[in-house]
């Protein structure tokens, strides 16, 4: 996937949400995501639910971890 494709996709989402701001409101509870050390990440919900992920160093570069947290 090219940078241009990602940019066009993001711009499309921005345009859509500007036209439909009520669709930008989330209905889910907030979560907190933290790096527990190395490549181990933990996300915790407001009711104590949690998920832990870990990756071997060979696949867990900075961009991959950044993308994962950007989605949280």
PDB file of N, CA and C in Angstrom:
ATOM      1  N   UNK A   1       0.857  -1.171   0.000  1.00  0.00           N
ATOM      2  CA  UNK A   1       0.000   0.000   0.000  1.00  0.00           C
ATOM      3  C   UNK A   1       0.903   1.235   0.000  1.00  0.00           C
ATOM      4  N   UNK A   2       0.641   2.126  -0.885  1.00  0.00           N
ATOM      5  CA  UNK A   2       1.487   3.312  -1.016  1.00  0.00           C
ATOM      6  C   UNK A   2       1.077   4.400  -0.025  1.00  0.00           C
ATOM      7  N   UNK A   3       1.992   5.317   0.203  1.00  0.00           N
ATOM      8  CA  UNK A   3       1.713   6.468   1.064  1.00  0.00           C
ATOM      9  C   UNK A   3       0.574   7.292   0.478  1.00  0.00           C
ATOM     10  N   UNK A   4       0.556   7.403  -0.831  1.00  0.00           N
ATOM     11  CA  UNK A   4      -0.497   8.181  -1.493  1.00  0.00           C
ATOM     12  C   UNK A   4      -1.870   7.549  -1.251  1.00  0.00           C
ATOM     13  N   UNK A   5      -1.937   6.230  -1.316  1.00  0.00           N
ATOM     14  CA  UNK A   5      -3.208   5.538  -1.075  1.00  0.00           C
ATOM     15  C   UNK A   5      -3.686   5.772   0.358  1.00  0.00           C
ATOM     16  N   UNK A   6      -2.768   5.678   1.306  1.00  0.00           N
ATOM     17  CA  UNK A   6      -3.124   5.920   2.710  1.00  0.00           C
ATOM     18  C   UNK A   6      -3.602   7.356   2.882  1.00  0.00           C
ATOM     19  N   UNK A   7      -2.892   8.298   2.265  1.00  0.00           N
ATOM     20  CA  UNK A   7      -3.275   9.711   2.376  1.00  0.00           C
ATOM     21  C   UNK A   7      -4.669   9.948   1.794  1.00  0.00           C
ATOM     22  N   UNK A   8      -4.961   9.357   0.649  1.00  0.00           N
ATOM     23  CA  UNK A   8      -6.283   9.511   0.042  1.00  0.00           C
ATOM     24  C   UNK A   8      -7.362   8.908   0.937  1.00  0.00           C
ATOM     25  N   UNK A   9      -7.070   7.776   1.546  1.00  0.00           N
ATOM     26  CA  UNK A   9      -8.036   7.130   2.431  1.00  0.00           C
ATOM     27  C   UNK A   9      -8.320   7.987   3.655  1.00  0.00           C
ATOM     28  N   UNK A  10      -7.265   8.504   4.273  1.00  0.00           N
ATOM     29  CA  UNK A  10      -7.438   9.366   5.449  1.00  0.00           C
ATOM     30  C   UNK A  10      -8.201  10.628   5.070  1.00  0.00           C
ATOM     31  N   UNK A  11      -7.865  11.232   3.953  1.00  0.00           N
ATOM     32  CA  UNK A  11      -8.580  12.433   3.508  1.00  0.00           C
ATOM     33  C   UNK A  11     -10.053  12.141   3.246  1.00  0.00           C
ATOM     34  N   UNK A  12     -10.349  10.949   2.733  1.00  0.00           N
ATOM     35  CA  UNK A  12     -11.736  10.553   2.521  1.00  0.00           C
ATOM     36  C   UNK A  12     -12.503  10.440   3.824  1.00  0.00           C
ATOM     37  N   UNK A  13     -11.860   9.876   4.853  1.00  0.00           N
ATOM     38  CA  UNK A  13     -12.500   9.770   6.168  1.00  0.00           C
ATOM     39  C   UNK A  13     -12.729  11.161   6.752  1.00  0.00           C
ATOM     40  N   UNK A  14     -11.741  12.029   6.642  1.00  0.00           N
ATOM     41  CA  UNK A  14     -11.877  13.392   7.158  1.00  0.00           C
ATOM     42  C   UNK A  14     -13.044  14.105   6.484  1.00  0.00           C
ATOM     43  N   UNK A  15     -13.125  14.010   5.163  1.00  0.00           N
ATOM     44  CA  UNK A  15     -14.212  14.662   4.436  1.00  0.00           C
ATOM     45  C   UNK A  15     -15.566  14.098   4.861  1.00  0.00           C
ATOM     46  N   UNK A  16     -15.652  12.782   4.988  1.00  0.00           N
ATOM     47  CA  UNK A  16     -16.919  12.160   5.387  1.00  0.00           C
ATOM     48  C   UNK A  16     -17.345  12.636   6.774  1.00  0.00           C
ATOM     49  N   UNK A  17     -16.405  12.656   7.718  1.00  0.00           N
ATOM     50  CA  UNK A  17     -16.764  13.051   9.084  1.00  0.00           C
ATOM     51  C   UNK A  17     -17.089  14.541   9.182  1.00  0.00           C
ATOM     52  N   UNK A  18     -16.502  15.353   8.321  1.00  0.00           N
ATOM     53  CA  UNK A  18     -16.875  16.772   8.301  1.00  0.00           C
ATOM     54  C   UNK A  18     -18.321  16.936   7.842  1.00  0.00           C
ATOM     55  N   UNK A  19     -18.746  16.096   6.901  1.00  0.00           N
ATOM     56  CA  UNK A  19     -20.118  16.149   6.405  1.00  0.00           C
ATOM     57  C   UNK A  19     -21.102  15.435   7.329  1.00  0.00           C
ATOM     58  N   UNK A  20     -20.616  14.505   8.138  1.00  0.00           N
ATOM     59  CA  UNK A  20     -21.460  13.700   9.031  1.00  0.00           C
ATOM     60  C   UNK A  20     -20.848  13.649  10.427  1.00  0.00           C
ATOM     61  N   UNK A  21     -20.747  14.772  11.117  1.00  0.00           N
ATOM     62  CA  UNK A  21     -20.056  14.792  12.411  1.00  0.00           C
ATOM     63  C   UNK A  21     -20.694  13.891  13.464  1.00  0.00           C
ATOM     64  N   UNK A  22     -21.977  13.615  13.358  1.00  0.00           N
ATOM     65  CA  UNK A  22     -22.617  12.729  14.330  1.00  0.00           C
ATOM     66  C   UNK A  22     -22.098  11.296  14.214  1.00  0.00           C
ATOM     67  N   UNK A  23     -21.514  10.935  13.080  1.00  0.00           N
ATOM     68  CA  UNK A  23     -20.949   9.595  12.906  1.00  0.00           C
ATOM     69  C   UNK A  23     -19.565   9.476  13.538  1.00  0.00           C
ATOM     70  N   UNK A  24     -19.006  10.584  13.973  1.00  0.00           N
ATOM     71  CA  UNK A  24     -17.673  10.566  14.573  1.00  0.00           C
ATOM     72  C   UNK A  24     -17.716  10.240  16.062  1.00  0.00           C
ATOM     73  N   UNK A  25     -18.890  10.219  16.625  1.00  0.00           N
ATOM     74  CA  UNK A  25     -19.025   9.961  18.055  1.00  0.00           C
ATOM     75  C   UNK A  25     -18.958   8.468  18.324  1.00  0.00           C
ATOM     76  N   UNK A  26     -18.073   8.079  19.234  1.00  0.00           N
ATOM     77  CA  UNK A  26     -17.940   6.669  19.599  1.00  0.00           C
ATOM     78  C   UNK A  26     -18.969   6.278  20.640  1.00  0.00           C
ATOM     79  N   UNK A  27     -19.337   5.031  20.650  1.00  0.00           N
ATOM     80  CA  UNK A  27     -20.288   4.530  21.641  1.00  0.00           C
ATOM     81  C   UNK A  27     -19.627   3.556  22.614  1.00  0.00           C
ATOM     82  N   UNK A  28     -18.378   3.225  22.365  1.00  0.00           N
ATOM     83  CA  UNK A  28     -17.689   2.285  23.248  1.00  0.00           C
ATOM     84  C   UNK A  28     -16.977   3.036  24.371  1.00  0.00           C
ATOM     85  N   UNK A  29     -16.702   2.322  25.432  1.00  0.00           N
ATOM     86  CA  UNK A  29     -16.004   2.906  26.577  1.00  0.00           C
ATOM     87  C   UNK A  29     -14.534   3.117  26.239  1.00  0.00           C
ATOM     88  N   UNK A  30     -13.903   4.070  26.900  1.00  0.00           N
ATOM     89  CA  UNK A  30     -12.483   4.306  26.639  1.00  0.00           C
ATOM     90  C   UNK A  30     -11.624   3.155  27.151  1.00  0.00           C
ATOM     91  N   UNK A  31     -10.456   2.987  26.528  1.00  0.00           N
ATOM     92  CA  UNK A  31      -9.482   2.013  26.995  1.00  0.00           C
ATOM     93  C   UNK A  31      -8.144   2.704  27.163  1.00  0.00           C
ATOM     94  N   UNK A  32      -7.283   2.072  27.935  1.00  0.00           N
ATOM     95  CA  UNK A  32      -5.927   2.556  28.121  1.00  0.00           C
ATOM     96  C   UNK A  32      -4.983   1.502  27.581  1.00  0.00           C
ATOM     97  N   UNK A  33      -4.064   1.899  26.715  1.00  0.00           N
ATOM     98  CA  UNK A  33      -3.083   0.978  26.153  1.00  0.00           C
ATOM     99  C   UNK A  33      -1.698   1.410  26.597  1.00  0.00           C
ATOM    100  N   UNK A  34      -0.915   0.442  27.069  1.00  0.00           N
ATOM    101  CA  UNK A  34       0.441   0.732  27.526  1.00  0.00           C
ATOM    102  C   UNK A  34       1.400  -0.333  27.009  1.00  0.00           C
ATOM    103  N   UNK A  35       2.648   0.045  26.914  1.00  0.00           N
ATOM    104  CA  UNK A  35       3.702  -0.911  26.590  1.00  0.00           C
ATOM    105  C   UNK A  35       4.228  -1.424  27.923  1.00  0.00           C
ATOM    106  N   UNK A  36       4.144  -2.738  28.125  1.00  0.00           N
ATOM    107  CA  UNK A  36       4.568  -3.349  29.386  1.00  0.00           C
ATOM    108  C   UNK A  36       6.057  -3.671  29.411  1.00  0.00           C
ATOM    109  N   UNK A  37       6.735  -3.457  28.320  1.00  0.00           N
ATOM    110  CA  UNK A  37       8.163  -3.749  28.244  1.00  0.00           C
ATOM    111  C   UNK A  37       8.453  -4.511  26.971  1.00  0.00           C
ATOM    112  N   UNK A  38       9.555  -4.177  26.349  1.00  0.00           N
ATOM    113  CA  UNK A  38       9.867  -4.830  25.087  1.00  0.00           C
ATOM    114  C   UNK A  38       8.768  -4.565  24.085  1.00  0.00           C
ATOM    115  N   UNK A  39       8.189  -5.620  23.562  1.00  0.00           N
ATOM    116  CA  UNK A  39       7.104  -5.501  22.583  1.00  0.00           C
ATOM    117  C   UNK A  39       5.775  -5.967  23.155  1.00  0.00           C
ATOM    118  N   UNK A  40       5.721  -6.137  24.455  1.00  0.00           N
ATOM    119  CA  UNK A  40       4.492  -6.584  25.118  1.00  0.00           C
ATOM    120  C   UNK A  40       3.603  -5.374  25.398  1.00  0.00           C
ATOM    121  N   UNK A  41       2.359  -5.430  24.920  1.00  0.00           N
ATOM    122  CA  UNK A  41       1.410  -4.337  25.073  1.00  0.00           C
ATOM    123  C   UNK A  41       0.167  -4.834  25.795  1.00  0.00           C
ATOM    124  N   UNK A  42      -0.431  -3.963  26.599  1.00  0.00           N
ATOM    125  CA  UNK A  42      -1.630  -4.309  27.359  1.00  0.00           C
ATOM    126  C   UNK A  42      -2.664  -3.202  27.182  1.00  0.00           C
ATOM    127  N   UNK A  43      -3.898  -3.596  26.901  1.00  0.00           N
ATOM    128  CA  UNK A  43      -5.017  -2.649  26.815  1.00  0.00           C
ATOM    129  C   UNK A  43      -6.037  -3.040  27.879  1.00  0.00           C
ATOM    130  N   UNK A  44      -6.506  -2.041  28.638  1.00  0.00           N
ATOM    131  CA  UNK A  44      -7.441  -2.288  29.738  1.00  0.00           C
ATOM    132  C   UNK A  44      -8.669  -1.411  29.561  1.00  0.00           C
ATOM    133  N   UNK A  45      -9.847  -2.025  29.733  1.00  0.00           N
ATOM    134  CA  UNK A  45     -11.104  -1.305  29.616  1.00  0.00           C
ATOM    135  C   UNK A  45     -11.578  -0.765  30.946  1.00  0.00           C
ATOM    136  N   UNK A  46     -12.664  -0.013  30.929  1.00  0.00           N
ATOM    137  CA  UNK A  46     -13.168   0.635  32.140  1.00  0.00           C
ATOM    138  C   UNK A  46     -13.789  -0.339  33.140  1.00  0.00           C
ATOM    139  N   UNK A  47     -14.068  -1.561  32.722  1.00  0.00           N
ATOM    140  CA  UNK A  47     -14.637  -2.564  33.628  1.00  0.00           C
ATOM    141  C   UNK A  47     -13.591  -3.596  34.039  1.00  0.00           C
ATOM    142  N   UNK A  48     -12.316  -3.302  33.794  1.00  0.00           N
ATOM    143  CA  UNK A  48     -11.240  -4.195  34.190  1.00  0.00           C
ATOM    144  C   UNK A  48     -10.874  -5.247  33.157  1.00  0.00           C
ATOM    145  N   UNK A  49     -11.599  -5.311  32.058  1.00  0.00           N
ATOM    146  CA  UNK A  49     -11.246  -6.273  31.014  1.00  0.00           C
ATOM    147  C   UNK A  49      -9.918  -5.869  30.401  1.00  0.00           C
ATOM    148  N   UNK A  50      -9.137  -6.878  29.958  1.00  0.00           N
ATOM    149  CA  UNK A  50      -7.838  -6.538  29.374  1.00  0.00           C
ATOM    150  C   UNK A  50      -7.446  -7.551  28.316  1.00  0.00           C
ATOM    151  N   UNK A  51      -6.539  -7.108  27.469  1.00  0.00           N
ATOM    152  CA  UNK A  51      -5.946  -7.960  26.449  1.00  0.00           C
ATOM    153  C   UNK A  51      -4.456  -7.632  26.413  1.00  0.00           C
ATOM    154  N   UNK A  52      -3.652  -8.692  26.317  1.00  0.00           N
ATOM    155  CA  UNK A  52      -2.209  -8.529  26.265  1.00  0.00           C
ATOM    156  C   UNK A  52      -1.714  -9.138  24.958  1.00  0.00           C
ATOM    157  N   UNK A  53      -0.851  -8.418  24.271  1.00  0.00           N
ATOM    158  CA  UNK A  53      -0.240  -8.931  23.048  1.00  0.00           C
ATOM    159  C   UNK A  53       1.265  -8.859  23.193  1.00  0.00           C
ATOM    160  N   UNK A  54       1.946  -9.721  22.496  1.00  0.00           N
ATOM    161  CA  UNK A  54       3.397  -9.713  22.505  1.00  0.00           C
ATOM    162  C   UNK A  54       3.867 -10.157  21.131  1.00  0.00           C
ATOM    163  N   UNK A  55       4.986  -9.632  20.689  1.00  0.00           N
ATOM    164  CA  UNK A  55       5.531  -9.978  19.379  1.00  0.00           C
ATOM    165  C   UNK A  55       6.994 -10.325  19.531  1.00  0.00           C
ATOM    166  N   UNK A  56       7.469 -11.239  18.724  1.00  0.00           N
ATOM    167  CA  UNK A  56       8.916 -11.465  18.727  1.00  0.00           C
ATOM    168  C   UNK A  56       9.617 -10.234  18.165  1.00  0.00           C
ATOM    169  N   UNK A  57      10.789  -9.927  18.663  1.00  0.00           N
ATOM    170  CA  UNK A  57      11.499  -8.728  18.194  1.00  0.00           C
ATOM    171  C   UNK A  57      11.685  -8.663  16.681  1.00  0.00           C
ATOM    172  N   UNK A  58      11.745  -9.794  16.027  1.00  0.00           N
ATOM    173  CA  UNK A  58      11.974  -9.793  14.576  1.00  0.00           C
ATOM    174  C   UNK A  58      10.853  -9.121  13.800  1.00  0.00           C
ATOM    175  N   UNK A  59       9.630  -9.082  14.332  1.00  0.00           N
ATOM    176  CA  UNK A  59       8.516  -8.477  13.601  1.00  0.00           C
ATOM    177  C   UNK A  59       7.997  -7.207  14.259  1.00  0.00           C
ATOM    178  N   UNK A  60       8.553  -6.806  15.366  1.00  0.00           N
ATOM    179  CA  UNK A  60       7.972  -5.690  16.120  1.00  0.00           C
ATOM    180  C   UNK A  60       8.742  -4.406  16.037  1.00  0.00           C
ATOM    181  N   UNK A  61       8.902  -3.849  14.862  1.00  0.00           N
ATOM    182  CA  UNK A  61       9.610  -2.578  14.781  1.00  0.00           C
ATOM    183  C   UNK A  61       8.724  -1.433  15.250  1.00  0.00           C
ATOM    184  N   UNK A  62       9.295  -0.255  15.339  1.00  0.00           N
ATOM    185  CA  UNK A  62       8.600   0.921  15.857  1.00  0.00           C
ATOM    186  C   UNK A  62       7.311   1.221  15.098  1.00  0.00           C
ATOM    187  N   UNK A  63       7.350   1.126  13.768  1.00  0.00           N
ATOM    188  CA  UNK A  63       6.169   1.469  12.974  1.00  0.00           C
ATOM    189  C   UNK A  63       5.023   0.504  13.250  1.00  0.00           C
ATOM    190  N   UNK A  64       5.331  -0.778  13.395  1.00  0.00           N
ATOM    191  CA  UNK A  64       4.286  -1.767  13.646  1.00  0.00           C
ATOM    192  C   UNK A  64       3.617  -1.515  14.986  1.00  0.00           C
ATOM    193  N   UNK A  65       4.427  -1.261  16.011  1.00  0.00           N
ATOM    194  CA  UNK A  65       3.848  -0.979  17.329  1.00  0.00           C
ATOM    195  C   UNK A  65       3.075   0.324  17.311  1.00  0.00           C
ATOM    196  N   UNK A  66       3.597   1.326  16.634  1.00  0.00           N
ATOM    197  CA  UNK A  66       2.891   2.604  16.535  1.00  0.00           C
ATOM    198  C   UNK A  66       1.546   2.457  15.863  1.00  0.00           C
ATOM    199  N   UNK A  67       1.484   1.663  14.815  1.00  0.00           N
ATOM    200  CA  UNK A  67       0.211   1.425  14.123  1.00  0.00           C
ATOM    201  C   UNK A  67      -0.774   0.714  15.027  1.00  0.00           C
ATOM    202  N   UNK A  68      -0.289  -0.243  15.795  1.00  0.00           N
ATOM    203  CA  UNK A  68      -1.182  -0.979  16.696  1.00  0.00           C
ATOM    204  C   UNK A  68      -1.800  -0.041  17.724  1.00  0.00           C
ATOM    205  N   UNK A  69      -0.976   0.840  18.315  1.00  0.00           N
ATOM    206  CA  UNK A  69      -1.509   1.763  19.322  1.00  0.00           C
ATOM    207  C   UNK A  69      -2.361   2.854  18.711  1.00  0.00           C
ATOM    208  N   UNK A  70      -2.101   3.222  17.502  1.00  0.00           N
ATOM    209  CA  UNK A  70      -2.917   4.235  16.846  1.00  0.00           C
ATOM    210  C   UNK A  70      -4.345   3.758  16.669  1.00  0.00           C
ATOM    211  N   UNK A  71      -4.531   2.470  16.597  1.00  0.00           N
ATOM    212  CA  UNK A  71      -5.867   1.905  16.430  1.00  0.00           C
ATOM    213  C   UNK A  71      -6.616   1.799  17.746  1.00  0.00           C
ATOM    214  N   UNK A  72      -5.921   1.913  18.852  1.00  0.00           N
ATOM    215  CA  UNK A  72      -6.567   1.738  20.162  1.00  0.00           C
ATOM    216  C   UNK A  72      -7.376   2.940  20.547  1.00  0.00           C
TER     217      UNK A  72
END
